[in-house]
Protein backbone atom coordinates (compact mmCIF):
# COMPACT_ATOMS: atom_id res chain seq x y z
CA MET A 1 243.47 -55.95 142.56
CA LYS A 2 240.66 -53.74 141.27
CA ILE A 3 238.40 -56.74 140.73
CA LEU A 4 239.30 -58.12 144.16
CA THR A 5 238.58 -54.75 145.78
CA ARG A 6 235.19 -54.58 144.06
CA ILE A 7 234.32 -58.09 145.16
CA VAL A 8 235.27 -57.28 148.76
CA GLY A 9 233.14 -54.15 148.54
CA ARG A 10 230.18 -56.18 147.35
CA LEU A 11 230.70 -58.65 150.20
CA VAL A 12 230.67 -55.82 152.73
CA LYS A 13 227.44 -54.49 151.23
CA ALA A 14 225.99 -58.00 151.31
CA ALA A 15 226.88 -58.31 155.01
CA VAL A 16 225.08 -55.02 155.76
CA VAL A 17 222.01 -56.18 153.84
CA LEU A 18 222.04 -59.52 155.64
CA LEU A 19 222.24 -57.76 159.01
CA ALA A 20 219.25 -55.59 158.11
CA ILE A 21 217.32 -58.71 157.06
CA LEU A 22 218.18 -60.41 160.35
CA VAL A 23 216.85 -57.48 162.38
CA LEU A 24 213.71 -57.14 160.27
CA ASN A 25 212.91 -60.85 160.39
CA PHE A 26 213.42 -60.94 164.15
CA LEU A 27 211.09 -58.01 164.76
CA LEU A 28 208.42 -59.35 162.38
CA ILE A 29 208.48 -62.83 163.91
CA HIS A 30 208.13 -61.48 167.44
CA ALA A 31 205.35 -59.11 166.36
CA ALA A 32 203.26 -62.04 165.12
CA PRO A 33 200.42 -63.21 167.37
CA GLY A 34 200.92 -66.34 169.41
CA ASP A 35 203.08 -67.35 172.36
CA PRO A 36 205.57 -70.19 171.75
CA ALA A 37 205.65 -70.89 175.49
CA ALA A 38 201.87 -71.45 175.45
CA VAL A 39 202.27 -73.81 172.46
CA MET A 40 204.96 -75.81 174.27
CA ALA A 41 202.88 -75.92 177.44
CA GLY A 42 199.83 -77.09 175.50
CA GLU A 43 201.81 -79.93 173.91
CA ALA A 44 203.06 -80.93 177.36
CA GLY A 45 199.52 -80.88 178.76
CA ALA A 46 200.31 -78.16 181.32
CA THR A 47 198.76 -74.70 181.38
CA ASP A 48 199.64 -73.26 184.82
CA GLU A 49 201.41 -69.91 184.94
CA MET A 50 204.43 -71.23 186.82
CA PHE A 51 205.22 -73.72 184.06
CA LEU A 52 204.76 -71.00 181.42
CA ALA A 53 207.13 -68.71 183.33
CA GLN A 54 209.73 -71.48 183.52
CA LEU A 55 209.50 -72.05 179.76
CA ARG A 56 209.85 -68.34 178.99
CA GLU A 57 212.88 -68.12 181.26
CA LYS A 58 214.46 -71.23 179.74
CA PHE A 59 214.21 -69.91 176.17
CA GLY A 60 214.86 -66.24 177.02
CA LEU A 61 211.34 -65.15 176.14
CA ASP A 62 211.00 -63.21 179.39
CA GLN A 63 213.78 -60.78 178.49
CA PRO A 64 213.19 -57.36 176.84
CA LEU A 65 212.98 -57.41 173.06
CA HIS A 66 216.21 -55.48 172.50
CA VAL A 67 218.10 -57.91 174.76
CA GLN A 68 216.73 -60.86 172.79
CA LEU A 69 217.66 -59.14 169.51
CA TRP A 70 221.25 -58.46 170.60
CA LYS A 71 221.68 -62.02 171.83
CA TYR A 72 220.26 -63.38 168.57
CA ILE A 73 222.63 -61.30 166.38
CA SER A 74 225.60 -62.23 168.57
CA ASP A 75 224.73 -65.92 168.31
CA VAL A 76 224.28 -65.75 164.52
CA ALA A 77 227.70 -64.12 164.21
CA ARG A 78 229.07 -67.30 165.80
CA LEU A 79 226.90 -69.44 163.48
CA ASP A 80 224.71 -70.41 166.41
CA LEU A 81 221.11 -70.27 165.14
CA GLY A 82 219.58 -71.36 168.41
CA TYR A 83 217.79 -74.48 169.60
CA SER A 84 214.53 -75.96 168.36
CA TYR A 85 212.27 -76.80 171.27
CA ARG A 86 210.02 -78.79 168.95
CA GLN A 87 212.71 -80.93 167.28
CA GLN A 88 214.96 -80.98 170.36
CA MET A 89 218.13 -80.27 168.40
CA PRO A 90 220.20 -77.26 167.31
CA VAL A 91 218.62 -75.27 164.49
CA LEU A 92 221.81 -75.25 162.41
CA ASP A 93 222.01 -79.06 162.49
CA LEU A 94 218.34 -79.27 161.58
CA ILE A 95 218.76 -76.94 158.60
CA LEU A 96 221.96 -78.61 157.38
CA ASP A 97 220.14 -81.93 157.50
CA ARG A 98 217.29 -80.60 155.30
CA LEU A 99 219.28 -78.23 153.05
CA PRO A 100 220.70 -80.85 150.61
CA ALA A 101 217.16 -81.96 149.67
CA THR A 102 216.12 -78.36 148.96
CA LEU A 103 219.28 -77.63 146.95
CA LEU A 104 218.70 -80.80 144.92
CA LEU A 105 215.09 -79.83 144.18
CA THR A 106 215.70 -76.15 143.44
CA GLY A 107 218.91 -76.82 141.49
CA THR A 108 217.18 -79.36 139.27
CA ALA A 109 214.19 -77.07 138.74
CA PHE A 110 216.55 -74.20 137.92
CA VAL A 111 218.51 -76.16 135.32
CA VAL A 112 215.38 -77.67 133.75
CA SER A 113 213.58 -74.34 133.47
CA LEU A 114 216.65 -72.52 132.15
CA VAL A 115 217.62 -75.10 129.53
CA PHE A 116 214.15 -75.87 128.21
CA GLY A 117 213.02 -72.24 128.45
CA VAL A 118 215.99 -70.88 126.48
CA LEU A 119 215.79 -73.66 123.90
CA ALA A 120 212.06 -73.04 123.39
CA GLY A 121 212.67 -69.29 123.12
CA VAL A 122 215.43 -69.75 120.53
CA LEU A 123 213.24 -72.11 118.51
CA ALA A 124 210.32 -69.67 118.62
CA ALA A 125 212.50 -66.69 117.61
CA SER A 126 214.04 -68.58 114.68
CA ARG A 127 210.57 -69.50 113.39
CA VAL A 128 208.75 -66.28 114.18
CA GLY A 129 205.30 -66.09 112.60
CA LYS A 130 205.10 -69.83 111.91
CA TRP A 131 202.86 -72.41 113.56
CA SER A 132 205.71 -73.67 115.78
CA ASP A 133 206.21 -70.13 117.13
CA THR A 134 202.50 -69.86 117.89
CA LEU A 135 202.48 -73.28 119.58
CA ILE A 136 205.49 -72.51 121.79
CA SER A 137 204.11 -69.10 122.78
CA SER A 138 200.71 -70.58 123.61
CA VAL A 139 202.16 -73.39 125.73
CA ALA A 140 204.42 -70.90 127.53
CA LEU A 141 201.45 -68.69 128.28
CA LEU A 142 199.54 -71.71 129.61
CA PHE A 143 202.43 -72.64 131.94
CA TYR A 144 202.76 -69.02 133.05
CA ALA A 145 199.08 -68.78 133.99
CA THR A 146 198.85 -72.16 135.75
CA PRO A 147 198.99 -72.00 139.60
CA LEU A 148 201.87 -73.98 141.04
CA PHE A 149 199.84 -76.02 143.51
CA TRP A 150 197.27 -76.96 140.83
CA ALA A 151 199.97 -78.12 138.42
CA ALA A 152 201.56 -80.16 141.21
CA LEU A 153 198.28 -81.88 142.14
CA MET A 154 197.37 -82.57 138.50
CA GLY A 155 200.82 -84.05 137.95
CA VAL A 156 200.31 -86.41 140.87
CA LEU A 157 196.85 -87.44 139.62
CA LEU A 158 198.05 -88.05 136.07
CA PHE A 159 201.54 -89.55 136.38
CA SER A 160 201.20 -91.26 139.78
CA VAL A 161 197.57 -92.20 140.37
CA THR A 162 196.35 -92.77 136.78
CA LEU A 163 199.44 -93.88 134.87
CA GLY A 164 201.57 -95.12 137.78
CA TRP A 165 204.79 -93.94 136.15
CA LEU A 166 206.21 -91.86 139.00
CA PRO A 167 206.02 -91.95 142.81
CA PRO A 168 203.54 -89.39 144.19
CA PHE A 169 205.47 -88.04 147.17
CA GLY A 170 208.53 -88.39 149.36
CA TYR A 171 212.29 -88.20 148.89
CA GLU A 172 212.86 -91.91 148.37
CA THR A 173 211.02 -95.19 148.84
CA VAL A 174 210.55 -95.80 152.56
CA GLY A 175 212.12 -99.03 153.77
CA SER A 176 213.57 -99.92 150.38
CA GLY A 177 217.14 -100.25 151.64
CA PHE A 178 218.53 -99.16 148.28
CA THR A 179 222.21 -98.17 148.09
CA GLY A 180 224.55 -96.77 145.48
CA TRP A 181 223.19 -96.14 141.99
CA ARG A 182 219.89 -97.84 142.78
CA ARG A 183 219.23 -95.34 145.57
CA ALA A 184 220.26 -92.44 143.32
CA LEU A 185 217.82 -93.67 140.66
CA ASP A 186 215.07 -93.99 143.26
CA ILE A 187 215.64 -90.39 144.43
CA ALA A 188 215.68 -89.22 140.80
CA GLU A 189 212.28 -90.83 140.21
CA HIS A 190 210.86 -89.02 143.24
CA LEU A 191 212.48 -85.78 142.04
CA VAL A 192 210.83 -85.62 138.60
CA LEU A 193 207.37 -84.35 139.57
CA PRO A 194 208.47 -81.76 142.19
CA ALA A 195 211.20 -80.34 139.94
CA LEU A 196 208.93 -80.08 136.90
CA SER A 197 206.14 -78.50 138.95
CA LEU A 198 208.52 -75.94 140.46
CA GLY A 199 210.21 -75.15 137.14
CA LEU A 200 207.11 -74.83 134.90
CA PHE A 201 206.50 -71.15 135.64
CA PHE A 202 210.07 -70.06 134.96
CA THR A 203 210.32 -72.25 131.86
CA ALA A 204 207.52 -70.14 130.40
CA VAL A 205 209.18 -66.89 131.51
CA TYR A 206 212.56 -67.87 130.01
CA SER A 207 210.89 -68.90 126.78
CA ARG A 208 209.04 -65.62 126.28
CA MET A 209 211.97 -63.47 127.40
CA THR A 210 214.46 -65.29 125.16
CA ARG A 211 212.15 -64.93 122.17
CA ALA A 212 211.56 -61.21 122.77
CA SER A 213 215.24 -60.49 123.44
CA MET A 214 216.43 -62.33 120.34
CA LEU A 215 213.90 -60.60 118.11
CA GLU A 216 215.05 -57.23 119.46
CA VAL A 217 218.74 -58.00 118.97
CA SER A 218 218.15 -59.36 115.45
CA GLN A 219 217.15 -55.87 114.27
CA MET A 220 220.37 -54.19 115.43
CA ASP A 221 223.00 -52.87 113.06
CA PHE A 222 225.78 -55.35 113.90
CA VAL A 223 223.46 -58.24 113.00
CA LYS A 224 222.63 -56.61 109.66
CA THR A 225 226.36 -56.17 109.05
CA ALA A 226 226.95 -59.87 109.80
CA ARG A 227 224.26 -60.79 107.29
CA ALA A 228 225.82 -58.47 104.70
CA LYS A 229 229.16 -60.26 105.17
CA GLY A 230 227.50 -63.49 104.11
CA LEU A 231 227.71 -65.35 107.42
CA SER A 232 225.43 -68.34 107.73
CA PRO A 233 222.14 -67.89 109.62
CA ALA A 234 223.22 -70.46 112.25
CA VAL A 235 226.45 -68.57 112.99
CA ILE A 236 224.64 -65.24 113.18
CA GLU A 237 222.01 -66.66 115.51
CA ARG A 238 224.50 -68.37 117.80
CA ARG A 239 227.42 -65.93 117.94
CA HIS A 240 225.75 -62.57 117.41
CA ILE A 241 222.08 -62.72 118.36
CA LEU A 242 221.90 -65.26 121.20
CA ARG A 243 225.03 -64.09 123.00
CA ASN A 244 223.86 -60.50 123.09
CA ALA A 245 220.34 -61.56 124.06
CA LEU A 246 221.55 -63.48 127.13
CA LEU A 247 221.97 -60.53 129.51
CA PRO A 248 218.26 -60.19 130.42
CA ILE A 249 218.13 -63.97 130.85
CA VAL A 250 221.12 -63.92 133.21
CA THR A 251 219.39 -61.22 135.25
CA LEU A 252 216.21 -63.28 135.47
CA ALA A 253 218.19 -66.41 136.34
CA GLY A 254 219.75 -64.62 139.29
CA LEU A 255 216.32 -63.56 140.52
CA GLN A 256 214.88 -67.03 139.98
CA ALA A 257 217.64 -68.72 141.95
CA GLY A 258 216.53 -66.79 145.01
CA GLN A 259 212.80 -67.10 144.39
CA LEU A 260 212.99 -70.87 144.00
CA VAL A 261 213.74 -71.25 147.70
CA GLY A 262 210.47 -69.48 148.51
CA GLY A 263 208.56 -71.42 145.88
CA ALA A 264 209.90 -74.65 147.30
CA VAL A 265 207.74 -74.19 150.42
CA LEU A 266 204.56 -75.04 148.53
CA THR A 267 206.16 -77.70 146.36
CA GLU A 268 207.83 -79.47 149.28
CA THR A 269 204.56 -79.41 151.23
CA VAL A 270 202.55 -80.91 148.35
CA PHE A 271 205.10 -83.63 147.61
CA ALA A 272 206.21 -84.24 151.24
CA TRP A 273 209.76 -83.34 150.19
CA PRO A 274 212.00 -83.15 153.29
CA GLY A 275 213.63 -79.77 152.61
CA ILE A 276 213.89 -76.45 154.44
CA GLY A 277 210.71 -75.18 152.74
CA ARG A 278 208.64 -77.86 154.42
CA LEU A 279 210.62 -77.32 157.61
CA MET A 280 209.69 -73.63 157.55
CA PHE A 281 205.99 -74.46 157.09
CA GLU A 282 206.08 -76.89 160.02
CA ALA A 283 207.90 -74.35 162.21
CA LEU A 284 205.31 -71.71 161.35
CA THR A 285 202.40 -73.87 162.48
CA GLN A 286 204.29 -74.84 165.66
CA ARG A 287 205.44 -71.29 166.53
CA ASP A 288 209.04 -72.53 166.54
CA TYR A 289 210.62 -69.07 166.26
CA ASN A 290 214.25 -70.18 166.23
CA VAL A 291 213.70 -72.53 163.30
CA LEU A 292 211.80 -69.85 161.37
CA LEU A 293 214.55 -67.30 161.92
CA GLY A 294 217.19 -69.84 160.99
CA VAL A 295 215.48 -70.74 157.71
CA PHE A 296 214.96 -67.04 156.91
CA PHE A 297 218.64 -66.38 157.57
CA VAL A 298 219.85 -69.24 155.35
CA SER A 299 217.39 -68.29 152.58
CA ALA A 300 218.48 -64.63 152.66
CA ALA A 301 222.14 -65.64 152.57
CA MET A 302 221.47 -67.86 149.54
CA VAL A 303 219.64 -65.06 147.71
CA ILE A 304 222.50 -62.63 148.34
CA LEU A 305 225.04 -65.23 147.22
CA PHE A 306 223.12 -65.89 144.00
CA ASN A 307 223.01 -62.16 143.24
CA LEU A 308 226.77 -61.88 143.73
CA ILE A 309 227.31 -64.82 141.38
CA THR A 310 224.99 -63.17 138.85
CA ASP A 311 227.09 -60.00 138.89
CA LEU A 312 230.21 -62.05 138.18
CA VAL A 313 228.51 -63.98 135.38
CA TYR A 314 227.70 -60.67 133.68
CA GLY A 315 231.41 -60.15 133.06
CA ILE A 316 231.70 -63.61 131.49
CA VAL A 317 228.69 -63.20 129.21
CA ASP A 318 229.67 -59.66 128.17
CA PRO A 319 233.31 -58.67 128.88
CA ARG A 320 232.34 -55.00 128.52
CA ILE A 321 230.56 -55.27 131.89
CA ARG A 322 232.61 -55.16 135.06
CA VAL A 323 231.54 -55.66 138.66
CA GLN A 324 230.82 -52.23 140.12
């Protein structure tokens, strides 16, 4: 019951934070320069004031700001994120159609960066001072300092244009008609470059953090006691050092899970990946406020969810920690 009460308390706090984010995003979007009615009128080839007034009335843009805000919050409470005048479909349907592609990309990048980063950090910490430690640290520093868009473009030039190993852009081969496992393999081939590009930065961060955390833990008294008992180095490293060094990594993983959604905007744009990051970029250039607010809402909800999961994982990694 205590754990359940704490979880409910965290959910209430998350709801309050999400509400504050909704209000802030709404006010910031409407404070930005540009009139969506003028954009719609320009696309329709009409610029007279009567047509503009009709558009503003149709989409509620002629109402006072506080009235628009209250209507927006009330609609979101009913999971109604509005209507996209550009795509001519409900925003929720539009986001749900694009969300699986973003989750596939960010989830793959997350797993790749976490696994390879932690493995590289463990290898560097176990061979501290040797040439392999220097090599891993240098490569990690190179990945950390490389801009995401540059790494993405260089990956396309090398593996797609020069070598021809991987497709340069897209979610799957257009017009291929693949089904079943063949389609899954085709999507996986298109996924390699975007996922690696998105995960490079955090692979370097995980590597350096794992190395530093393990070196710090290895100097603690309980590790010295384990060595004095005659335990093998592999057992000490796995059961005593690595497990206690995981907490900072879990914290970073929770932060990364939320940041990947934001980083996916650039990656999805470069690789023409049909996710919500690319959708948000298109909505920004088209002044499609409802789509922007919908993507912001879903992204904020995902970040809050990942932070809640991180708090629960703390208790699994270290039973001495309980959700507060």
